[in-house]
């Protein structure tokens, strides 16, 4: 469904009575499974729904490995790559649905249960320790487990989502016999696994956007970690004029590159229960001013257009409380500097602007995804998120 529009039921193939969706691409392709009744683990069929250009969908059974009928499509990217599993009723086999009926068995690669795929065709799975698998090279990379901090020992990792910088979100599992064995974690190239929560039975990140923001379940509540902004209980961020929205704790939810989130919530005052779309009131990442400082005396930064198109440019606007030298650099989602726009350049107080053409320091165009414009001056720092489509 689209915001403000009624929901739409996806069609079922002949003989099928139920369906469930697991992923949707930006082009509207939905993947999941259908079944003769609601028992997807033991009777589901891998399925894709394709927009027909007329406001509706066509449904396509994707098939299974030879001698098998059970399966599910678990993830799809904007290039139309679909991954999932095929099952003989006892074991599940990781597969790539190259086309309906044309299925590649990925078992020999060592991956298990693909859960997400990005535009670079890199898959993450739910092996004992999470793996990334590149469909172009057919090479799997075991991400291992975090280094043991403070005497803790991690025995496994579970992945749930991967972004365009190949950052992986999920959970790290502690070597303990108690129910408090999982912590929210994120893997970044050059950094490794980072831990972002205390322990809990169900703790883990459910989704990550291209800026590295994560939605996650901590103990019994959905939280969001905003890169450069902090970690918050999602429920505490909801601004609503009638009643109070309570976040349902069965899942953490999802987050996109504009920091919109979808969670399950209920409002006893209005009697509403269901999926809740949360849209931030501001798209800038604004650090807190120094203690005792006047927020009005701090620099402000934004960009327009944002998002902007690949091979186009954006104008970064900023306002300075006083004249002086400023530094402006662009960083990718992993925190690596990709370009220096201003280096100690003198700028007058008041409004200023400078263009960035989406190129790195070597003059090459950067890939689509999320970036951060970081401005420093007059002892202050501000960061604005930029998205290239």
Protein backbone atom coordinates (compact mmCIF):
# COMPACT_ATOMS: atom_id res chain seq x y z
CA UNK A 1 0.00 0.00 0.00
CA UNK A 2 1.03 3.66 -0.46
CA UNK A 3 0.68 6.38 2.15
CA UNK A 4 -2.87 7.71 2.10
CA UNK A 5 -4.09 4.94 -0.22
CA UNK A 6 -6.13 1.84 0.65
CA UNK A 7 -4.30 -1.44 0.97
CA UNK A 8 -4.18 -3.84 -1.96
CA UNK A 9 -4.43 -7.62 -1.75
CA UNK A 10 -1.78 -9.43 -3.78
CA UNK A 11 -3.19 -12.13 -6.09
CA UNK A 12 -2.85 -15.83 -5.26
CA UNK A 13 -1.97 -18.56 -7.77
CA UNK A 14 -4.63 -21.16 -8.44
CA UNK A 15 -4.97 -23.65 -5.59
CA UNK A 16 -3.30 -21.42 -3.02
CA UNK A 17 -5.10 -19.99 0.00
CA UNK A 18 -2.53 -17.96 1.91
CA UNK A 19 0.49 -15.74 1.36
CA UNK A 20 3.22 -13.92 3.25
CA UNK A 21 5.66 -11.26 2.05
CA UNK A 22 9.27 -10.93 3.19
CA UNK A 23 10.71 -8.08 1.09
CA UNK A 24 9.88 -5.40 -1.48
CA UNK A 25 12.16 -3.55 -3.91
CA UNK A 26 12.05 0.15 -4.78
CA UNK A 27 10.53 -0.89 -8.10
CA UNK A 28 7.61 -2.55 -6.30
CA UNK A 29 8.57 -6.21 -6.74
CA UNK A 30 7.33 -8.17 -3.71
CA UNK A 31 8.74 -11.57 -2.72
CA UNK A 32 7.65 -14.18 -0.23
CA UNK A 33 5.68 -17.39 -0.39
CA UNK A 34 2.19 -18.77 -0.89
CA UNK A 35 0.61 -21.97 0.37
CA UNK A 36 -2.53 -24.08 0.28
CA UNK A 37 -3.03 -23.13 3.93
CA UNK A 38 -1.12 -21.13 6.52
CA UNK A 39 1.86 -23.37 7.21
CA UNK A 40 4.70 -21.72 5.31
CA UNK A 41 7.52 -23.73 6.85
CA UNK A 42 6.12 -27.03 5.61
CA UNK A 43 4.04 -26.17 2.56
CA UNK A 44 5.03 -22.73 1.25
CA UNK A 45 6.05 -22.06 -2.35
CA UNK A 46 8.59 -19.37 -3.27
CA UNK A 47 6.72 -16.51 -4.97
CA UNK A 48 7.25 -13.10 -6.55
CA UNK A 49 4.67 -10.43 -7.36
CA UNK A 50 5.46 -8.01 -10.20
CA UNK A 51 3.74 -4.64 -10.86
CA UNK A 52 1.79 -4.86 -14.10
CA UNK A 53 1.96 -1.12 -14.89
CA UNK A 54 -1.81 -0.79 -14.48
CA UNK A 55 -1.92 -0.46 -10.71
CA UNK A 56 -2.09 -4.17 -10.00
CA UNK A 57 0.25 -7.17 -9.76
CA UNK A 58 0.96 -10.43 -11.50
CA UNK A 59 2.05 -13.42 -9.42
CA UNK A 60 4.79 -15.89 -10.33
CA UNK A 61 5.77 -19.14 -8.61
CA UNK A 62 9.57 -19.31 -8.62
CA UNK A 63 9.92 -23.07 -8.20
CA UNK A 64 12.28 -25.18 -6.10
CA UNK A 65 15.31 -27.44 -6.55
CA UNK A 66 14.79 -30.76 -8.38
CA UNK A 67 12.70 -33.17 -6.34
CA UNK A 68 11.53 -30.42 -3.97
CA UNK A 69 8.44 -28.19 -3.85
CA UNK A 70 8.78 -26.20 -0.62
CA UNK A 71 10.58 -22.87 -0.51
CA UNK A 72 10.52 -19.15 0.09
CA UNK A 73 11.87 -16.02 -1.55
CA UNK A 74 13.40 -14.04 1.31
CA UNK A 75 15.00 -10.97 -0.29
CA UNK A 76 15.03 -8.94 -3.51
CA UNK A 77 17.11 -5.98 -4.68
CA UNK A 78 16.31 -3.24 -7.21
CA UNK A 79 18.12 -5.16 -9.95
CA UNK A 80 15.58 -7.97 -9.60
CA UNK A 81 17.91 -10.50 -7.97
CA UNK A 82 15.89 -12.79 -5.72
CA UNK A 83 17.33 -15.16 -3.10
CA UNK A 84 15.79 -17.54 -0.61
CA UNK A 85 15.66 -21.22 0.13
CA UNK A 86 14.35 -24.51 -1.23
CA UNK A 87 13.42 -27.38 1.09
CA UNK A 88 12.81 -31.12 0.96
CA UNK A 89 10.74 -30.90 4.14
CA UNK A 90 13.70 -31.69 6.38
CA UNK A 91 16.57 -29.45 5.25
CA UNK A 92 16.68 -25.99 3.73
CA UNK A 93 19.04 -25.18 0.86
CA UNK A 94 20.12 -21.61 0.01
CA UNK A 95 19.20 -20.65 -3.55
CA UNK A 96 19.38 -17.84 -6.09
CA UNK A 97 16.24 -17.54 -8.23
CA UNK A 98 17.88 -16.51 -11.50
CA UNK A 99 14.46 -16.74 -13.17
CA UNK A 100 11.25 -18.65 -12.46
CA UNK A 101 12.24 -22.31 -12.68
CA UNK A 102 15.94 -21.40 -13.14
CA UNK A 103 17.39 -21.90 -9.66
CA UNK A 104 21.01 -21.94 -8.53
CA UNK A 105 21.82 -24.11 -5.49
CA UNK A 106 24.22 -22.14 -3.26
CA UNK A 107 24.78 -24.91 -0.70
CA UNK A 108 28.35 -25.59 -1.83
CA UNK A 109 29.34 -21.97 -1.04
CA UNK A 110 28.87 -22.54 2.68
CA UNK A 111 26.10 -19.96 3.19
CA UNK A 112 22.77 -20.76 4.85
CA UNK A 113 19.37 -19.02 4.83
CA UNK A 114 19.95 -15.78 2.84
CA UNK A 115 18.15 -12.90 4.57
CA UNK A 116 19.07 -9.79 2.55
CA UNK A 117 20.75 -8.66 -0.68
CA UNK A 118 21.98 -5.20 -1.70
CA UNK A 119 22.38 -3.47 -5.06
CA UNK A 120 25.98 -4.71 -5.35
CA UNK A 121 24.54 -8.26 -5.28
CA UNK A 122 26.06 -9.07 -1.90
CA UNK A 123 24.01 -11.44 0.24
CA UNK A 124 24.04 -11.87 4.01
CA UNK A 125 22.89 -15.10 5.62
CA UNK A 126 22.18 -16.74 8.95
CA UNK A 127 25.11 -19.12 9.20
CA UNK A 128 26.53 -19.90 12.66
CA UNK A 129 28.72 -16.85 12.13
CA UNK A 130 27.28 -14.46 9.55
CA UNK A 131 28.60 -14.59 6.01
CA UNK A 132 28.58 -12.17 3.10
CA UNK A 133 28.31 -13.77 -0.32
CA UNK A 134 29.02 -11.98 -3.61
CA UNK A 135 26.82 -13.24 -6.46
CA UNK A 136 29.22 -11.81 -9.05
CA UNK A 137 32.34 -13.56 -7.75
CA UNK A 138 30.55 -16.49 -6.05
CA UNK A 139 32.85 -16.01 -3.06
CA UNK A 140 31.65 -16.22 0.55
CA UNK A 141 33.27 -14.25 3.37
CA UNK A 142 32.86 -15.44 6.97
CA UNK A 143 32.50 -12.37 9.21
CA UNK A 144 33.33 -14.29 12.38
CA UNK A 145 32.46 -12.94 15.82
CA UNK A 146 33.43 -9.82 17.79
CA UNK A 147 36.67 -9.70 19.73
CA UNK A 148 36.03 -10.48 23.43
CA UNK A 149 35.75 -7.22 25.42
CA UNK A 150 36.06 -7.23 29.20
CA UNK A 151 36.07 -10.99 29.54
CA UNK A 152 32.99 -11.57 27.37
CA UNK A 153 33.24 -14.29 24.76
CA UNK A 154 31.17 -14.38 21.60
CA UNK A 155 30.49 -17.68 19.88
CA UNK A 156 28.30 -16.65 16.94
CA UNK A 157 26.75 -13.80 14.98
CA UNK A 158 23.39 -13.49 13.25
CA UNK A 159 22.79 -11.15 10.31
CA UNK A 160 19.48 -9.50 9.44
CA UNK A 161 20.28 -6.74 6.93
CA UNK A 162 23.01 -5.32 4.69
CA UNK A 163 23.34 -1.80 3.25
CA UNK A 164 25.07 -0.37 0.18
CA UNK A 165 28.36 0.02 2.04
CA UNK A 166 28.22 -3.70 2.89
CA UNK A 167 27.66 -2.91 6.56
CA UNK A 168 25.84 -5.81 8.21
CA UNK A 169 23.38 -5.43 11.09
CA UNK A 170 22.28 -8.20 13.42
CA UNK A 171 23.28 -9.67 16.76
CA UNK A 172 26.33 -11.08 18.48
CA UNK A 173 25.74 -14.15 20.65
CA UNK A 174 27.55 -14.56 23.94
CA UNK A 175 28.89 -17.84 25.31
CA UNK A 176 26.42 -18.15 28.17
CA UNK A 177 23.72 -20.58 29.27
CA UNK A 178 21.37 -17.79 30.37
CA UNK A 179 18.65 -16.07 28.36
CA UNK A 180 20.76 -12.88 28.33
CA UNK A 181 22.98 -13.95 25.45
CA UNK A 182 22.40 -11.53 22.54
CA UNK A 183 23.61 -8.01 21.87
CA UNK A 184 22.86 -5.63 18.99
CA UNK A 185 25.85 -5.60 16.65
CA UNK A 186 27.01 -4.13 13.35
CA UNK A 187 29.86 -5.16 11.06
CA UNK A 188 31.81 -2.52 9.11
CA UNK A 189 34.80 -3.14 6.86
CA UNK A 190 37.99 -1.96 8.53
CA UNK A 191 36.23 -1.82 11.91
CA UNK A 192 34.75 -5.27 12.44
CA UNK A 193 31.86 -6.03 14.75
CA UNK A 194 30.67 -3.28 17.09
CA UNK A 195 28.32 -3.82 20.04
CA UNK A 196 25.43 -1.36 20.59
CA UNK A 197 23.37 -2.76 23.46
CA UNK A 198 23.40 -4.71 26.69
CA UNK A 199 22.46 -8.39 26.60
CA UNK A 200 18.94 -9.76 26.18
CA UNK A 201 17.21 -12.89 24.95
CA UNK A 202 15.91 -11.32 21.74
CA UNK A 203 18.29 -8.38 21.27
CA UNK A 204 19.35 -7.63 17.72
CA UNK A 205 19.11 -5.17 14.85
CA UNK A 206 16.36 -5.88 12.32
CA UNK A 207 17.27 -3.33 9.62
CA UNK A 208 20.03 -0.92 8.58
CA UNK A 209 19.90 1.93 6.06
CA UNK A 210 22.68 3.24 3.85
CA UNK A 211 23.71 5.78 6.47
CA UNK A 212 24.34 3.08 9.06
CA UNK A 213 21.19 3.90 11.10
CA UNK A 214 19.72 0.77 12.70
CA UNK A 215 16.37 -0.21 14.16
CA UNK A 216 16.76 -2.84 16.84
CA UNK A 217 15.06 -4.77 19.58
CA UNK A 218 16.59 -4.24 23.04
CA UNK A 219 15.16 -6.34 25.86
CA UNK A 220 11.46 -5.84 25.02
CA UNK A 221 11.38 -2.54 23.16
CA UNK A 222 12.16 -1.26 19.64
CA UNK A 223 15.05 1.20 19.59
CA UNK A 224 16.70 3.19 16.81
CA UNK A 225 20.36 4.14 16.59
CA UNK A 226 20.82 7.28 14.49
CA UNK A 227 24.36 7.65 13.21
CA UNK A 228 25.76 10.84 14.69
CA UNK A 229 22.64 11.38 16.79
CA UNK A 230 22.39 8.69 19.47
CA UNK A 231 20.17 5.77 20.46
CA UNK A 232 16.50 6.24 21.34
CA UNK A 233 13.47 4.18 22.30
CA UNK A 234 11.27 4.49 19.19
CA UNK A 235 8.16 4.94 21.31
CA UNK A 236 9.66 8.04 22.92
CA UNK A 237 10.09 9.71 19.50
CA UNK A 238 6.44 9.47 18.42
CA UNK A 239 4.71 12.86 18.34
CA UNK A 240 0.93 12.42 18.38
CA UNK A 241 -1.95 14.67 19.34
CA UNK A 242 -4.35 11.95 20.52
CA UNK A 243 -3.47 9.25 23.02
CA UNK A 244 -0.17 7.43 23.27
CA UNK A 245 1.26 4.96 20.80
CA UNK A 246 2.73 1.81 22.38
CA UNK A 247 5.28 -0.02 20.26
CA UNK A 248 4.52 -3.72 19.90
CA UNK A 249 7.64 -5.64 20.84
CA UNK A 250 7.53 -8.64 18.51
CA UNK A 251 9.82 -6.91 16.01
CA UNK A 252 12.02 -3.83 15.88
CA UNK A 253 10.76 -2.63 12.48
CA UNK A 254 12.38 -1.14 9.38
CA UNK A 255 14.16 2.10 8.44
CA UNK A 256 14.82 3.72 5.05
CA UNK A 257 17.43 6.20 3.84
CA UNK A 258 15.19 9.15 4.76
CA UNK A 259 15.04 7.80 8.32
CA UNK A 260 11.39 6.93 7.99
CA UNK A 261 10.57 3.95 10.18
CA UNK A 262 7.80 1.37 10.15
CA UNK A 263 6.91 -0.33 13.43
CA UNK A 264 3.93 -2.20 14.83
CA UNK A 265 2.11 -0.12 17.42
CA UNK A 266 -1.20 0.27 19.23
CA UNK A 267 -3.08 3.31 20.55
CA UNK A 268 -5.66 2.42 23.25
CA UNK A 269 -7.20 5.90 23.10
CA UNK A 270 -8.09 5.72 19.40
CA UNK A 271 -8.42 1.93 19.23
CA UNK A 272 -5.93 1.76 16.35
CA UNK A 273 -3.46 -1.10 15.99
CA UNK A 274 -1.16 -1.96 13.10
CA UNK A 275 1.81 -0.80 11.07
CA UNK A 276 2.83 2.76 11.92
CA UNK A 277 4.87 4.93 9.52
CA UNK A 278 7.09 7.40 11.37
CA UNK A 279 8.56 10.34 9.44
CA UNK A 280 11.24 12.53 11.05
CA UNK A 281 10.38 16.19 11.48
CA UNK A 282 13.92 17.11 10.27
CA UNK A 283 16.37 15.32 7.99
CA UNK A 284 19.51 16.97 9.38
CA UNK A 285 21.76 15.28 11.93
CA UNK A 286 22.30 17.99 14.52
CA UNK A 287 24.74 17.43 17.35
CA UNK A 288 23.88 18.91 20.73
CA UNK A 289 25.48 22.32 21.35
CA UNK A 290 28.25 22.52 23.95
CA UNK A 291 27.08 22.65 27.56
CA UNK A 292 25.96 26.15 28.39
CA UNK A 293 26.11 27.21 24.75
CA UNK A 294 23.41 29.08 22.90
CA UNK A 295 21.93 26.89 20.11
CA UNK A 296 21.33 30.02 18.04
CA UNK A 297 25.07 30.69 17.99
CA UNK A 298 25.88 27.35 16.33
CA UNK A 299 26.40 26.73 12.62
CA UNK A 300 23.56 25.13 10.65
CA UNK A 301 23.88 22.92 7.56
CA UNK A 302 21.48 21.45 4.99
CA UNK A 303 21.46 20.39 1.32
CA UNK A 304 19.16 20.87 -1.68
CA UNK A 305 18.20 18.78 -3.57
CA UNK A 306 18.46 15.88 -1.17
CA UNK A 307 18.24 13.10 -2.20
CA UNK A 308 19.83 13.96 -5.55
CA UNK A 309 20.36 11.93 -8.68
CA UNK A 310 23.48 10.02 -9.64
CA UNK A 311 25.70 12.13 -11.96
CA UNK A 312 23.99 15.28 -10.70
CA UNK A 313 25.00 17.66 -7.92
CA UNK A 314 23.60 19.13 -4.73
CA UNK A 315 24.02 22.51 -3.07
CA UNK A 316 25.20 22.40 0.53
CA UNK A 317 23.94 25.43 2.43
CA UNK A 318 25.21 26.54 5.82
CA UNK A 319 24.85 29.56 8.08
CA UNK A 320 27.70 30.84 10.25
CA UNK A 321 27.28 32.92 13.43
CA UNK A 322 30.55 34.75 12.64
CA UNK A 323 33.10 34.99 9.86
CA UNK A 324 36.07 32.61 9.89
CA UNK A 325 37.74 29.56 8.34
CA UNK A 326 35.65 26.43 7.82
CA UNK A 327 36.30 22.85 6.77
CA UNK A 328 33.73 20.86 4.80
CA UNK A 329 34.33 17.20 3.92
CA UNK A 330 32.20 14.34 2.61
CA UNK A 331 32.25 10.93 4.29
CA UNK A 332 30.69 7.62 3.28
CA UNK A 333 28.43 5.54 5.52
CA UNK A 334 31.42 3.69 6.96
CA UNK A 335 33.05 6.95 8.08
CA UNK A 336 35.68 7.07 5.33
CA UNK A 337 36.44 10.50 3.87
CA UNK A 338 35.66 10.61 0.15
CA UNK A 339 36.07 14.31 -0.70
CA UNK A 340 37.21 17.64 0.74
CA UNK A 341 34.98 20.49 -0.42
CA UNK A 342 36.43 23.27 1.73
CA UNK A 343 39.73 23.20 3.64
CA UNK A 344 40.23 26.17 5.94
CA UNK A 345 38.32 28.40 3.53
CA UNK A 346 37.29 31.82 4.85
CA UNK A 347 33.55 32.37 4.85
CA UNK A 348 31.54 35.38 6.00
CA UNK A 349 28.93 35.17 8.72
CA UNK A 350 25.39 34.43 7.65
CA UNK A 351 24.17 32.21 4.78
CA UNK A 352 26.73 30.43 2.60
CA UNK A 353 26.52 27.72 0.00
CA UNK A 354 28.80 25.45 -2.02
CA UNK A 355 28.10 22.77 -4.63
CA UNK A 356 29.19 19.12 -4.43
CA UNK A 357 29.09 17.14 -7.68
CA UNK A 358 29.14 13.65 -6.18
CA UNK A 359 32.81 13.04 -6.96
CA UNK A 360 35.61 11.84 -4.70
CA UNK A 361 39.01 13.47 -4.17
CA UNK A 362 40.34 11.75 -7.31
CA UNK A 363 37.51 13.17 -9.43
CA UNK A 364 35.66 9.86 -9.83
CA UNK A 365 31.92 9.71 -9.26
CA UNK A 366 30.98 8.01 -6.01
CA UNK A 367 28.44 5.19 -5.88
CA UNK A 368 24.77 5.61 -5.09
CA UNK A 369 24.02 5.55 -1.37
CA UNK A 370 24.24 7.66 1.76
CA UNK A 371 26.99 10.15 2.55
CA UNK A 372 27.58 12.76 5.24
CA UNK A 373 28.66 16.37 4.77
CA UNK A 374 30.60 17.40 7.91
CA UNK A 375 31.17 21.10 8.49
CA UNK A 376 33.59 22.42 11.12
CA UNK A 377 34.07 26.04 12.10
CA UNK A 378 34.14 28.39 15.09
CA UNK A 379 34.59 25.44 17.46
CA UNK A 380 31.34 23.82 16.27
CA UNK A 381 30.58 20.85 14.06
CA UNK A 382 27.46 19.91 12.13
CA UNK A 383 26.68 17.00 9.87
CA UNK A 384 24.03 16.65 7.16
CA UNK A 385 23.07 13.39 5.52
CA UNK A 386 23.20 13.28 1.70
CA UNK A 387 21.60 10.55 -0.39
CA UNK A 388 22.52 9.81 -4.01
CA UNK A 389 19.88 7.84 -5.90
